[in-house]
């Protein structure tokens, strides 16, 4: 009589192994499909950004025009950037050359072209200024400085209006980037080493996002559900990664020191340019004002207050803190009045 195989003797184990193989095969197929989707469709046609060896990432000039809605359910017409480093070129060539430099608020992805705060600023001042904007979502102070260096020979701005955010100190320090889901762009980024005073590329990406397309895609979908239904998932994830508070405070001070050195370096390299800063939120507004004024630069304090005091909704909280169309209108008017 023939001996029965191990599979015949242990049918439950055999079935479990078979199902495991099927599951692994399905996950492998899903991962392959995710990578093909990102490579052949999402990254060239839909993504806001494309990789860059020095800056980490820049604007995607191949992005296809499309109509979307921001988190306030407002229609937003998305168009490709006119340049990988610029999201606005001037409507006219008259007046002093002004460059708005910043992150996602200056990127203006939540409003249609021509409706961002720097567009409002330009319309109010008409022929007084020639307005450019270089805003790239997720950028920290080091990237903004390097962006200015690349743009300066083309524009030679007489005024740089430097838009700041509360997460800038976070994005200026590698250890803080690694300890967050919310503020980590999951891309290579240049950091300023305070000990050597040199800039170096470092990779703050989490391994499961770096190597698995599917994990990052599913995580992004989960964040959408988390914001919509207030599941508390992101808060829980942040708490798991958070550094001890004393260490966070010390590292945040390092992030502010990076901004201070970046600003001083920019002033030294471009002595004929006037630098003016402002923040879109209250987190480090007082600290930013101190840094800019101690460096001899200008500062527009509490711009966010003018925006928030508007009786009409200016952002899409709790889903999105970025300004909506009305928020950009109020901010552009406030900056025009204060400048």
C-alpha atoms as a PDB file:
ATOM      1  CA  UNK A   1       0.000   0.000   0.000  1.00  0.00           C
ATOM      2  CA  UNK A   2       1.433   3.418  -1.061  1.00  0.00           C
ATOM      3  CA  UNK A   3       2.328   5.831   1.699  1.00  0.00           C
ATOM      4  CA  UNK A   4       0.222   8.984   1.882  1.00  0.00           C
ATOM      5  CA  UNK A   5       1.948  12.290   1.324  1.00  0.00           C
ATOM      6  CA  UNK A   6       2.432  14.928   4.034  1.00  0.00           C
ATOM      7  CA  UNK A   7      -0.254  17.041   2.350  1.00  0.00           C
ATOM      8  CA  UNK A   8      -2.726  14.177   2.560  1.00  0.00           C
ATOM      9  CA  UNK A   9      -1.906  13.544   6.214  1.00  0.00           C
ATOM     10  CA  UNK A  10      -2.320  17.235   7.164  1.00  0.00           C
ATOM     11  CA  UNK A  11      -5.090  18.673   4.959  1.00  0.00           C
ATOM     12  CA  UNK A  12      -5.616  21.809   7.098  1.00  0.00           C
ATOM     13  CA  UNK A  13      -1.942  22.726   6.940  1.00  0.00           C
ATOM     14  CA  UNK A  14      -1.952  22.051   3.210  1.00  0.00           C
ATOM     15  CA  UNK A  15      -4.937  24.316   2.704  1.00  0.00           C
ATOM     16  CA  UNK A  16      -3.341  27.061   4.822  1.00  0.00           C
ATOM     17  CA  UNK A  17      -0.128  26.890   2.770  1.00  0.00           C
ATOM     18  CA  UNK A  18      -2.086  26.947  -0.462  1.00  0.00           C
ATOM     19  CA  UNK A  19      -4.061  30.020   0.660  1.00  0.00           C
ATOM     20  CA  UNK A  20      -0.841  31.701   1.794  1.00  0.00           C
ATOM     21  CA  UNK A  21       0.731  31.143  -1.613  1.00  0.00           C
ATOM     22  CA  UNK A  22      -2.374  32.566  -3.294  1.00  0.00           C
ATOM     23  CA  UNK A  23      -2.299  35.597  -0.982  1.00  0.00           C
ATOM     24  CA  UNK A  24       1.382  36.238  -1.644  1.00  0.00           C
ATOM     25  CA  UNK A  25       0.793  35.931  -5.383  1.00  0.00           C
ATOM     26  CA  UNK A  26      -2.081  38.436  -5.191  1.00  0.00           C
ATOM     27  CA  UNK A  27       0.018  40.886  -3.159  1.00  0.00           C
ATOM     28  CA  UNK A  28       2.882  40.553  -5.644  1.00  0.00           C
ATOM     29  CA  UNK A  29       0.498  41.216  -8.536  1.00  0.00           C
ATOM     30  CA  UNK A  30      -1.001  44.220  -6.707  1.00  0.00           C
ATOM     31  CA  UNK A  31       2.478  45.607  -6.007  1.00  0.00           C
ATOM     32  CA  UNK A  32       3.430  45.227  -9.660  1.00  0.00           C
ATOM     33  CA  UNK A  33       0.204  46.910 -10.776  1.00  0.00           C
ATOM     34  CA  UNK A  34       0.794  49.763  -8.312  1.00  0.00           C
ATOM     35  CA  UNK A  35       4.315  50.346  -9.630  1.00  0.00           C
ATOM     36  CA  UNK A  36       3.162  50.293 -13.245  1.00  0.00           C
ATOM     37  CA  UNK A  37       0.330  52.703 -12.440  1.00  0.00           C
ATOM     38  CA  UNK A  38       2.676  55.163 -10.748  1.00  0.00           C
ATOM     39  CA  UNK A  39       5.379  54.897 -13.417  1.00  0.00           C
ATOM     40  CA  UNK A  40       3.249  55.045 -16.554  1.00  0.00           C
ATOM     41  CA  UNK A  41       0.289  57.183 -15.490  1.00  0.00           C
ATOM     42  CA  UNK A  42       0.337  58.799 -12.051  1.00  0.00           C
ATOM     43  CA  UNK A  43       3.880  60.236 -11.979  1.00  0.00           C
ATOM     44  CA  UNK A  44       3.961  61.666 -15.536  1.00  0.00           C
ATOM     45  CA  UNK A  45       0.326  62.786 -15.761  1.00  0.00           C
ATOM     46  CA  UNK A  46      -1.092  63.404 -12.285  1.00  0.00           C
ATOM     47  CA  UNK A  47       1.650  63.863  -9.668  1.00  0.00           C
ATOM     48  CA  UNK A  48       2.425  67.382  -8.488  1.00  0.00           C
ATOM     49  CA  UNK A  49       6.154  66.655  -8.303  1.00  0.00           C
ATOM     50  CA  UNK A  50       9.044  64.885  -9.965  1.00  0.00           C
ATOM     51  CA  UNK A  51      12.344  63.840  -8.378  1.00  0.00           C
ATOM     52  CA  UNK A  52      15.366  66.150  -8.500  1.00  0.00           C
ATOM     53  CA  UNK A  53      18.961  65.200  -7.525  1.00  0.00           C
ATOM     54  CA  UNK A  54      19.755  68.428  -5.618  1.00  0.00           C
ATOM     55  CA  UNK A  55      16.421  69.773  -4.403  1.00  0.00           C
ATOM     56  CA  UNK A  56      14.754  66.447  -3.675  1.00  0.00           C
ATOM     57  CA  UNK A  57      11.733  67.192  -5.856  1.00  0.00           C
ATOM     58  CA  UNK A  58      10.454  69.920  -8.177  1.00  0.00           C
ATOM     59  CA  UNK A  59       7.202  70.739  -9.954  1.00  0.00           C
ATOM     60  CA  UNK A  60       5.889  68.339 -12.577  1.00  0.00           C
ATOM     61  CA  UNK A  61       5.683  70.291 -15.837  1.00  0.00           C
ATOM     62  CA  UNK A  62       4.109  67.275 -17.608  1.00  0.00           C
ATOM     63  CA  UNK A  63       1.044  67.238 -15.378  1.00  0.00           C
ATOM     64  CA  UNK A  64      -2.124  67.047 -17.460  1.00  0.00           C
ATOM     65  CA  UNK A  65      -4.768  69.767 -16.988  1.00  0.00           C
ATOM     66  CA  UNK A  66      -7.765  68.559 -15.016  1.00  0.00           C
ATOM     67  CA  UNK A  67     -10.588  69.762 -12.812  1.00  0.00           C
ATOM     68  CA  UNK A  68     -10.687  68.655  -9.182  1.00  0.00           C
ATOM     69  CA  UNK A  69     -12.282  69.768  -5.940  1.00  0.00           C
ATOM     70  CA  UNK A  70     -10.427  70.915  -2.862  1.00  0.00           C
ATOM     71  CA  UNK A  71     -11.529  69.779   0.590  1.00  0.00           C
ATOM     72  CA  UNK A  72     -14.038  72.674   0.681  1.00  0.00           C
ATOM     73  CA  UNK A  73     -15.723  71.194  -2.418  1.00  0.00           C
ATOM     74  CA  UNK A  74     -14.569  74.161  -4.513  1.00  0.00           C
ATOM     75  CA  UNK A  75     -13.652  73.491  -8.142  1.00  0.00           C
ATOM     76  CA  UNK A  76      -9.927  73.777  -8.778  1.00  0.00           C
ATOM     77  CA  UNK A  77      -8.476  73.815 -12.291  1.00  0.00           C
ATOM     78  CA  UNK A  78      -5.075  72.140 -12.134  1.00  0.00           C
ATOM     79  CA  UNK A  79      -2.569  72.994 -14.860  1.00  0.00           C
ATOM     80  CA  UNK A  80       1.089  72.070 -15.384  1.00  0.00           C
ATOM     81  CA  UNK A  81       3.612  74.477 -13.904  1.00  0.00           C
ATOM     82  CA  UNK A  82       5.230  76.843 -16.423  1.00  0.00           C
ATOM     83  CA  UNK A  83       8.650  75.786 -15.129  1.00  0.00           C
ATOM     84  CA  UNK A  84       9.976  73.018 -12.885  1.00  0.00           C
ATOM     85  CA  UNK A  85      11.068  75.662 -10.354  1.00  0.00           C
ATOM     86  CA  UNK A  86       8.334  78.253 -10.852  1.00  0.00           C
ATOM     87  CA  UNK A  87       4.576  78.019 -10.471  1.00  0.00           C
ATOM     88  CA  UNK A  88       4.012  81.592 -11.630  1.00  0.00           C
ATOM     89  CA  UNK A  89       5.606  83.869 -14.167  1.00  0.00           C
ATOM     90  CA  UNK A  90       4.634  87.559 -14.256  1.00  0.00           C
ATOM     91  CA  UNK A  91       1.628  88.819 -16.175  1.00  0.00           C
ATOM     92  CA  UNK A  92       3.685  91.876 -17.106  1.00  0.00           C
ATOM     93  CA  UNK A  93       7.285  93.012 -16.931  1.00  0.00           C
ATOM     94  CA  UNK A  94       6.743  96.343 -15.214  1.00  0.00           C
ATOM     95  CA  UNK A  95       7.856  97.363 -11.748  1.00  0.00           C
ATOM     96  CA  UNK A  96      10.220  95.907  -9.160  1.00  0.00           C
ATOM     97  CA  UNK A  97      10.874  92.186  -9.495  1.00  0.00           C
ATOM     98  CA  UNK A  98       9.315  90.276  -6.592  1.00  0.00           C
ATOM     99  CA  UNK A  99       9.768  86.571  -5.943  1.00  0.00           C
ATOM    100  CA  UNK A 100       7.381  84.791  -3.584  1.00  0.00           C
ATOM    101  CA  UNK A 101       9.273  81.814  -2.147  1.00  0.00           C
ATOM    102  CA  UNK A 102       7.609  79.100  -0.088  1.00  0.00           C
ATOM    103  CA  UNK A 103       6.059  75.683   0.332  1.00  0.00           C
ATOM    104  CA  UNK A 104       2.582  74.247  -0.317  1.00  0.00           C
ATOM    105  CA  UNK A 105       0.789  77.514   0.548  1.00  0.00           C
ATOM    106  CA  UNK A 106       2.737  79.222  -2.243  1.00  0.00           C
ATOM    107  CA  UNK A 107       2.374  76.158  -4.442  1.00  0.00           C
ATOM    108  CA  UNK A 108      -1.344  76.988  -4.253  1.00  0.00           C
ATOM    109  CA  UNK A 109      -2.653  73.543  -5.213  1.00  0.00           C
ATOM    110  CA  UNK A 110      -6.007  74.243  -3.495  1.00  0.00           C
ATOM    111  CA  UNK A 111      -6.927  77.132  -5.816  1.00  0.00           C
ATOM    112  CA  UNK A 112      -7.198  77.622  -9.557  1.00  0.00           C
ATOM    113  CA  UNK A 113      -4.450  79.390 -11.547  1.00  0.00           C
ATOM    114  CA  UNK A 114      -4.626  83.160 -11.197  1.00  0.00           C
ATOM    115  CA  UNK A 115      -6.364  82.932  -7.798  1.00  0.00           C
ATOM    116  CA  UNK A 116      -3.410  82.391  -5.454  1.00  0.00           C
ATOM    117  CA  UNK A 117      -2.437  85.032  -2.916  1.00  0.00           C
ATOM    118  CA  UNK A 118       0.506  86.261  -4.999  1.00  0.00           C
ATOM    119  CA  UNK A 119      -1.832  86.685  -7.999  1.00  0.00           C
ATOM    120  CA  UNK A 120      -4.087  88.819  -5.793  1.00  0.00           C
ATOM    121  CA  UNK A 121      -1.025  90.790  -4.675  1.00  0.00           C
ATOM    122  CA  UNK A 122      -0.055  91.346  -8.308  1.00  0.00           C
ATOM    123  CA  UNK A 123      -3.536  92.545  -9.327  1.00  0.00           C
ATOM    124  CA  UNK A 124      -3.784  94.969  -6.419  1.00  0.00           C
ATOM    125  CA  UNK A 125      -0.406  96.507  -7.241  1.00  0.00           C
ATOM    126  CA  UNK A 126      -0.874  96.244 -11.030  1.00  0.00           C
ATOM    127  CA  UNK A 127       2.241  97.718 -12.670  1.00  0.00           C
ATOM    128  CA  UNK A 128       4.110  98.323  -9.414  1.00  0.00           C
ATOM    129  CA  UNK A 129       5.649  94.843  -9.248  1.00  0.00           C
ATOM    130  CA  UNK A 130       6.764  92.101 -11.617  1.00  0.00           C
ATOM    131  CA  UNK A 131       5.652  89.012  -9.684  1.00  0.00           C
ATOM    132  CA  UNK A 132       7.149  85.537  -9.742  1.00  0.00           C
ATOM    133  CA  UNK A 133       6.279  82.631  -7.426  1.00  0.00           C
ATOM    134  CA  UNK A 134       8.324  79.568  -6.526  1.00  0.00           C
ATOM    135  CA  UNK A 135       6.292  77.402  -4.196  1.00  0.00           C
ATOM    136  CA  UNK A 136       6.796  73.663  -3.931  1.00  0.00           C
ATOM    137  CA  UNK A 137       4.787  71.601  -1.459  1.00  0.00           C
ATOM    138  CA  UNK A 138       6.711  70.043   1.426  1.00  0.00           C
ATOM    139  CA  UNK A 139       9.804  72.237   1.055  1.00  0.00           C
ATOM    140  CA  UNK A 140      11.839  73.230   4.105  1.00  0.00           C
ATOM    141  CA  UNK A 141      14.134  76.233   4.513  1.00  0.00           C
ATOM    142  CA  UNK A 142      17.177  74.543   2.952  1.00  0.00           C
ATOM    143  CA  UNK A 143      15.283  73.591  -0.198  1.00  0.00           C
ATOM    144  CA  UNK A 144      13.829  77.089  -0.491  1.00  0.00           C
ATOM    145  CA  UNK A 145      17.312  78.594  -0.233  1.00  0.00           C
ATOM    146  CA  UNK A 146      18.656  76.224  -2.897  1.00  0.00           C
ATOM    147  CA  UNK A 147      15.626  77.023  -5.051  1.00  0.00           C
ATOM    148  CA  UNK A 148      16.413  80.735  -4.736  1.00  0.00           C
ATOM    149  CA  UNK A 149      20.024  80.108  -5.750  1.00  0.00           C
ATOM    150  CA  UNK A 150      18.913  78.339  -8.912  1.00  0.00           C
ATOM    151  CA  UNK A 151      16.361  81.005  -9.828  1.00  0.00           C
ATOM    152  CA  UNK A 152      18.388  84.084  -8.969  1.00  0.00           C
ATOM    153  CA  UNK A 153      20.409  84.346 -12.210  1.00  0.00           C
ATOM    154  CA  UNK A 154      17.186  84.201 -14.257  1.00  0.00           C
ATOM    155  CA  UNK A 155      15.103  86.602 -12.167  1.00  0.00           C
ATOM    156  CA  UNK A 156      17.478  88.720 -10.058  1.00  0.00           C
ATOM    157  CA  UNK A 157      14.619  89.599  -7.688  1.00  0.00           C
ATOM    158  CA  UNK A 158      14.783  92.938  -5.935  1.00  0.00           C
ATOM    159  CA  UNK A 159      12.460  91.638  -3.222  1.00  0.00           C
ATOM    160  CA  UNK A 160      12.033  88.070  -1.937  1.00  0.00           C
ATOM    161  CA  UNK A 161       8.874  87.505   0.090  1.00  0.00           C
ATOM    162  CA  UNK A 162       9.632  84.344   2.027  1.00  0.00           C
ATOM    163  CA  UNK A 163       6.526  82.386   3.052  1.00  0.00           C
ATOM    164  CA  UNK A 164       7.064  80.297   6.180  1.00  0.00           C
ATOM    165  CA  UNK A 165       5.028  77.532   7.838  1.00  0.00           C
ATOM    166  CA  UNK A 166       4.878  75.991  11.274  1.00  0.00           C
ATOM    167  CA  UNK A 167       6.423  72.735  10.032  1.00  0.00           C
ATOM    168  CA  UNK A 168       9.553  74.378   8.566  1.00  0.00           C
ATOM    169  CA  UNK A 169      11.758  73.679  11.627  1.00  0.00           C
ATOM    170  CA  UNK A 170      10.523  70.090  11.462  1.00  0.00           C
ATOM    171  CA  UNK A 171      11.470  69.752   7.790  1.00  0.00           C
ATOM    172  CA  UNK A 172      14.892  71.277   8.487  1.00  0.00           C
ATOM    173  CA  UNK A 173      16.015  68.415  10.764  1.00  0.00           C
ATOM    174  CA  UNK A 174      16.446  64.832   9.612  1.00  0.00           C
ATOM    175  CA  UNK A 175      15.654  63.311  13.014  1.00  0.00           C
ATOM    176  CA  UNK A 176      12.340  65.166  13.175  1.00  0.00           C
ATOM    177  CA  UNK A 177      11.401  64.133   9.651  1.00  0.00           C
ATOM    178  CA  UNK A 178      12.044  60.493  10.585  1.00  0.00           C
ATOM    179  CA  UNK A 179       9.800  60.802  13.635  1.00  0.00           C
ATOM    180  CA  UNK A 180       6.631  61.882  11.834  1.00  0.00           C
ATOM    181  CA  UNK A 181       4.040  60.680   9.361  1.00  0.00           C
ATOM    182  CA  UNK A 182       2.318  64.052   8.954  1.00  0.00           C
ATOM    183  CA  UNK A 183       5.387  66.145   8.097  1.00  0.00           C
ATOM    184  CA  UNK A 184       7.533  63.581   6.301  1.00  0.00           C
ATOM    185  CA  UNK A 185       7.275  63.981   2.511  1.00  0.00           C
ATOM    186  CA  UNK A 186       8.759  60.487   2.028  1.00  0.00           C
ATOM    187  CA  UNK A 187      11.358  61.780  -0.412  1.00  0.00           C
ATOM    188  CA  UNK A 188      15.093  62.415  -0.316  1.00  0.00           C
ATOM    189  CA  UNK A 189      15.707  65.908   0.993  1.00  0.00           C
ATOM    190  CA  UNK A 190      18.748  68.186   1.498  1.00  0.00           C
ATOM    191  CA  UNK A 191      19.543  69.064   5.123  1.00  0.00           C
ATOM    192  CA  UNK A 192      21.890  71.663   6.605  1.00  0.00           C
ATOM    193  CA  UNK A 193      24.483  70.118   8.921  1.00  0.00           C
ATOM    194  CA  UNK A 194      24.949  72.669  11.714  1.00  0.00           C
ATOM    195  CA  UNK A 195      28.344  71.269  12.717  1.00  0.00           C
ATOM    196  CA  UNK A 196      29.966  71.427   9.277  1.00  0.00           C
ATOM    197  CA  UNK A 197      27.756  74.195   7.804  1.00  0.00           C
ATOM    198  CA  UNK A 198      27.309  72.014   4.751  1.00  0.00           C
ATOM    199  CA  UNK A 199      24.257  70.764   2.905  1.00  0.00           C
ATOM    200  CA  UNK A 200      23.848  67.039   2.338  1.00  0.00           C
ATOM    201  CA  UNK A 201      21.135  64.797   0.913  1.00  0.00           C
ATOM    202  CA  UNK A 202      19.583  62.351   3.368  1.00  0.00           C
ATOM    203  CA  UNK A 203      16.738  59.874   3.061  1.00  0.00           C
ATOM    204  CA  UNK A 204      13.996  60.177   5.732  1.00  0.00           C
ATOM    205  CA  UNK A 205      11.662  57.689   4.043  1.00  0.00           C
ATOM    206  CA  UNK A 206      10.236  54.761   5.994  1.00  0.00           C
ATOM    207  CA  UNK A 207      11.398  51.424   4.578  1.00  0.00           C
ATOM    208  CA  UNK A 208       7.890  50.103   3.898  1.00  0.00           C
ATOM    209  CA  UNK A 209       7.089  53.253   1.892  1.00  0.00           C
ATOM    210  CA  UNK A 210      10.468  53.305   0.195  1.00  0.00           C
ATOM    211  CA  UNK A 211      10.309  49.772  -1.174  1.00  0.00           C
ATOM    212  CA  UNK A 212       6.570  48.986  -1.325  1.00  0.00           C
ATOM    213  CA  UNK A 213       4.367  51.078  -3.588  1.00  0.00           C
ATOM    214  CA  UNK A 214       1.250  49.340  -2.295  1.00  0.00           C
ATOM    215  CA  UNK A 215       1.885  50.262   1.350  1.00  0.00           C
ATOM    216  CA  UNK A 216       2.233  53.952   0.569  1.00  0.00           C
ATOM    217  CA  UNK A 217      -0.888  53.960  -1.621  1.00  0.00           C
ATOM    218  CA  UNK A 218      -2.987  52.198   1.005  1.00  0.00           C
ATOM    219  CA  UNK A 219      -1.658  54.491   3.735  1.00  0.00           C
ATOM    220  CA  UNK A 220      -2.650  57.588   1.732  1.00  0.00           C
ATOM    221  CA  UNK A 221      -6.156  56.192   1.263  1.00  0.00           C
ATOM    222  CA  UNK A 222      -6.349  55.497   4.980  1.00  0.00           C
ATOM    223  CA  UNK A 223      -5.394  59.096   5.727  1.00  0.00           C
ATOM    224  CA  UNK A 224      -8.278  60.296   3.558  1.00  0.00           C
ATOM    225  CA  UNK A 225     -10.702  58.114   5.520  1.00  0.00           C
ATOM    226  CA  UNK A 226      -9.090  59.215   8.782  1.00  0.00           C
ATOM    227  CA  UNK A 227      -9.665  62.876   7.979  1.00  0.00           C
ATOM    228  CA  UNK A 228     -13.188  62.353   6.713  1.00  0.00           C
ATOM    229  CA  UNK A 229     -14.454  60.194   9.572  1.00  0.00           C
ATOM    230  CA  UNK A 230     -12.133  61.415  12.364  1.00  0.00           C
ATOM    231  CA  UNK A 231     -10.821  57.937  13.108  1.00  0.00           C
ATOM    232  CA  UNK A 232      -7.775  59.248  14.980  1.00  0.00           C
ATOM    233  CA  UNK A 233      -5.409  56.971  13.042  1.00  0.00           C
ATOM    234  CA  UNK A 234      -2.879  59.671  12.147  1.00  0.00           C
ATOM    235  CA  UNK A 235      -2.786  60.960  15.724  1.00  0.00           C
ATOM    236  CA  UNK A 236      -2.136  57.416  16.942  1.00  0.00           C
ATOM    237  CA  UNK A 237       0.612  56.871  14.332  1.00  0.00           C
ATOM    238  CA  UNK A 238       2.266  60.190  15.225  1.00  0.00           C
ATOM    239  CA  UNK A 239       2.253  59.238  18.903  1.00  0.00           C
ATOM    240  CA  UNK A 240       4.019  55.947  18.127  1.00  0.00           C
ATOM    241  CA  UNK A 241       6.849  57.735  16.310  1.00  0.00           C
ATOM    242  CA  UNK A 242       7.111  60.847  18.481  1.00  0.00           C
ATOM    243  CA  UNK A 243      10.417  61.577  20.192  1.00  0.00           C
ATOM    244  CA  UNK A 244      10.499  62.493  23.900  1.00  0.00           C
ATOM    245  CA  UNK A 245       9.377  66.081  24.375  1.00  0.00           C
ATOM    246  CA  UNK A 246      12.771  67.462  25.582  1.00  0.00           C
ATOM    247  CA  UNK A 247      14.427  65.983  22.487  1.00  0.00           C
ATOM    248  CA  UNK A 248      11.732  67.405  20.222  1.00  0.00           C
ATOM    249  CA  UNK A 249      12.163  70.882  21.702  1.00  0.00           C
ATOM    250  CA  UNK A 250      15.941  70.749  21.260  1.00  0.00           C
ATOM    251  CA  UNK A 251      15.629  69.575  17.663  1.00  0.00           C
ATOM    252  CA  UNK A 252      13.042  72.272  16.878  1.00  0.00           C
ATOM    253  CA  UNK A 253      15.570  74.849  18.060  1.00  0.00           C
ATOM    254  CA  UNK A 254      18.047  73.318  15.631  1.00  0.00           C
ATOM    255  CA  UNK A 255      15.442  73.709  12.896  1.00  0.00           C
ATOM    256  CA  UNK A 256      15.098  77.408  13.721  1.00  0.00           C
ATOM    257  CA  UNK A 257      18.878  77.763  13.717  1.00  0.00           C
ATOM    258  CA  UNK A 258      18.938  76.260  10.206  1.00  0.00           C
ATOM    259  CA  UNK A 259      16.500  78.948   9.025  1.00  0.00           C
ATOM    260  CA  UNK A 260      18.667  81.621  10.638  1.00  0.00           C
ATOM    261  CA  UNK A 261      21.809  80.418   8.855  1.00  0.00           C
ATOM    262  CA  UNK A 262      19.998  79.926   5.550  1.00  0.00           C
ATOM    263  CA  UNK A 263      18.669  83.491   5.662  1.00  0.00           C
ATOM    264  CA  UNK A 264      22.078  84.928   6.511  1.00  0.00           C
ATOM    265  CA  UNK A 265      23.688  82.952   3.695  1.00  0.00           C
ATOM    266  CA  UNK A 266      21.072  84.202   1.231  1.00  0.00           C
ATOM    267  CA  UNK A 267      21.584  87.812   2.363  1.00  0.00           C
ATOM    268  CA  UNK A 268      25.338  87.454   1.954  1.00  0.00           C
ATOM    269  CA  UNK A 269      25.096  85.946  -1.511  1.00  0.00           C
ATOM    270  CA  UNK A 270      22.406  88.365  -2.734  1.00  0.00           C
ATOM    271  CA  UNK A 271      23.166  91.678  -0.989  1.00  0.00           C
ATOM    272  CA  UNK A 272      21.076  93.746  -3.404  1.00  0.00           C
ATOM    273  CA  UNK A 273      17.891  91.840  -2.552  1.00  0.00           C
ATOM    274  CA  UNK A 274      15.471  92.827   0.200  1.00  0.00           C
ATOM    275  CA  UNK A 275      14.157  89.851   2.170  1.00  0.00           C
ATOM    276  CA  UNK A 276      10.725  89.923   3.813  1.00  0.00           C
ATOM    277  CA  UNK A 277       9.231  86.988   5.716  1.00  0.00           C
ATOM    278  CA  UNK A 278       5.751  86.020   6.869  1.00  0.00           C
ATOM    279  CA  UNK A 279       4.139  82.909   8.345  1.00  0.00           C
ATOM    280  CA  UNK A 280       0.867  81.233   7.429  1.00  0.00           C
ATOM    281  CA  UNK A 281       0.218  80.095  11.017  1.00  0.00           C
ATOM    282  CA  UNK A 282       1.015  81.016  14.610  1.00  0.00           C
ATOM    283  CA  UNK A 283       3.341  78.135  15.550  1.00  0.00           C
ATOM    284  CA  UNK A 284       6.664  79.939  15.166  1.00  0.00           C
ATOM    285  CA  UNK A 285       5.548  83.376  14.006  1.00  0.00           C
ATOM    286  CA  UNK A 286       7.260  85.195  16.898  1.00  0.00           C
ATOM    287  CA  UNK A 287      10.451  83.148  16.459  1.00  0.00           C
ATOM    288  CA  UNK A 288      10.490  83.802  12.711  1.00  0.00           C
ATOM    289  CA  UNK A 289       9.988  87.516  13.258  1.00  0.00           C
ATOM    290  CA  UNK A 290      12.927  87.578  15.674  1.00  0.00           C
ATOM    291  CA  UNK A 291      15.194  85.738  13.222  1.00  0.00           C
ATOM    292  CA  UNK A 292      14.331  88.009  10.307  1.00  0.00           C
ATOM    293  CA  UNK A 293      14.630  91.232  12.270  1.00  0.00           C
ATOM    294  CA  UNK A 294      17.917  90.215  13.890  1.00  0.00           C
ATOM    295  CA  UNK A 295      19.249  89.535  10.393  1.00  0.00           C
ATOM    296  CA  UNK A 296      18.175  93.000   9.234  1.00  0.00           C
ATOM    297  CA  UNK A 297      15.390  91.612   7.043  1.00  0.00           C
ATOM    298  CA  UNK A 298      11.757  92.683   6.996  1.00  0.00           C
ATOM    299  CA  UNK A 299       8.874  90.723   8.475  1.00  0.00           C
ATOM    300  CA  UNK A 300       5.085  90.844   8.168  1.00  0.00           C
ATOM    301  CA  UNK A 301       3.748  89.627  11.531  1.00  0.00           C
ATOM    302  CA  UNK A 302       0.463  87.841  12.118  1.00  0.00           C
ATOM    303  CA  UNK A 303      -0.651  87.601   8.501  1.00  0.00           C
ATOM    304  CA  UNK A 304      -2.519  84.459   9.534  1.00  0.00           C
ATOM    305  CA  UNK A 305      -4.616  86.534  11.973  1.00  0.00           C
ATOM    306  CA  UNK A 306      -5.866  88.746   9.182  1.00  0.00           C
ATOM    307  CA  UNK A 307      -6.809  85.658   7.211  1.00  0.00           C
ATOM    308  CA  UNK A 308      -8.465  83.883  10.139  1.00  0.00           C
ATOM    309  CA  UNK A 309     -10.471  86.959  11.164  1.00  0.00           C
ATOM    310  CA  UNK A 310     -12.414  86.948   7.918  1.00  0.00           C
ATOM    311  CA  UNK A 311     -16.099  86.142   8.549  1.00  0.00           C
ATOM    312  CA  UNK A 312     -16.069  83.850   5.524  1.00  0.00           C
ATOM    313  CA  UNK A 313     -14.354  80.474   5.606  1.00  0.00           C
ATOM    314  CA  UNK A 314     -10.692  80.788   4.557  1.00  0.00           C
ATOM    315  CA  UNK A 315      -9.512  77.166   4.731  1.00  0.00           C
ATOM    316  CA  UNK A 316     -10.885  73.632   4.627  1.00  0.00           C
ATOM    317  CA  UNK A 317     -10.305  72.531   8.219  1.00  0.00           C
ATOM    318  CA  UNK A 318     -10.519  69.966   9.675  1.00  0.00           C
ATOM    319  CA  UNK A 319      -9.678  68.204   6.409  1.00  0.00           C
ATOM    320  CA  UNK A 320      -7.135  70.710   5.085  1.00  0.00           C
ATOM    321  CA  UNK A 321      -5.455  73.739   6.684  1.00  0.00           C
ATOM    322  CA  UNK A 322      -4.434  75.224   3.321  1.00  0.00           C
ATOM    323  CA  UNK A 323      -6.219  78.390   2.230  1.00  0.00           C
ATOM    324  CA  UNK A 324      -9.198  78.036  -0.074  1.00  0.00           C
ATOM    325  CA  UNK A 325     -10.025  80.625  -2.757  1.00  0.00           C
ATOM    326  CA  UNK A 326     -11.294  83.171  -0.233  1.00  0.00           C
ATOM    327  CA  UNK A 327      -8.308  82.564   2.050  1.00  0.00           C
ATOM    328  CA  UNK A 328      -5.873  83.333  -0.765  1.00  0.00           C
ATOM    329  CA  UNK A 329      -7.849  86.483  -1.603  1.00  0.00           C
ATOM    330  CA  UNK A 330      -7.653  87.747   1.993  1.00  0.00           C
ATOM    331  CA  UNK A 331      -3.966  86.816   2.343  1.00  0.00           C
ATOM    332  CA  UNK A 332      -3.006  88.572  -0.897  1.00  0.00           C
ATOM    333  CA  UNK A 333      -4.816  91.730   0.194  1.00  0.00           C
ATOM    334  CA  UNK A 334      -3.224  91.618   3.658  1.00  0.00           C
ATOM    335  CA  UNK A 335       0.314  91.260   2.264  1.00  0.00           C
ATOM    336  CA  UNK A 336      -0.272  94.037  -0.270  1.00  0.00           C
ATOM    337  CA  UNK A 337      -1.461  96.349   2.514  1.00  0.00           C
ATOM    338  CA  UNK A 338       1.328  95.449   4.941  1.00  0.00           C
ATOM    339  CA  UNK A 339       4.152  95.631   2.409  1.00  0.00           C
END
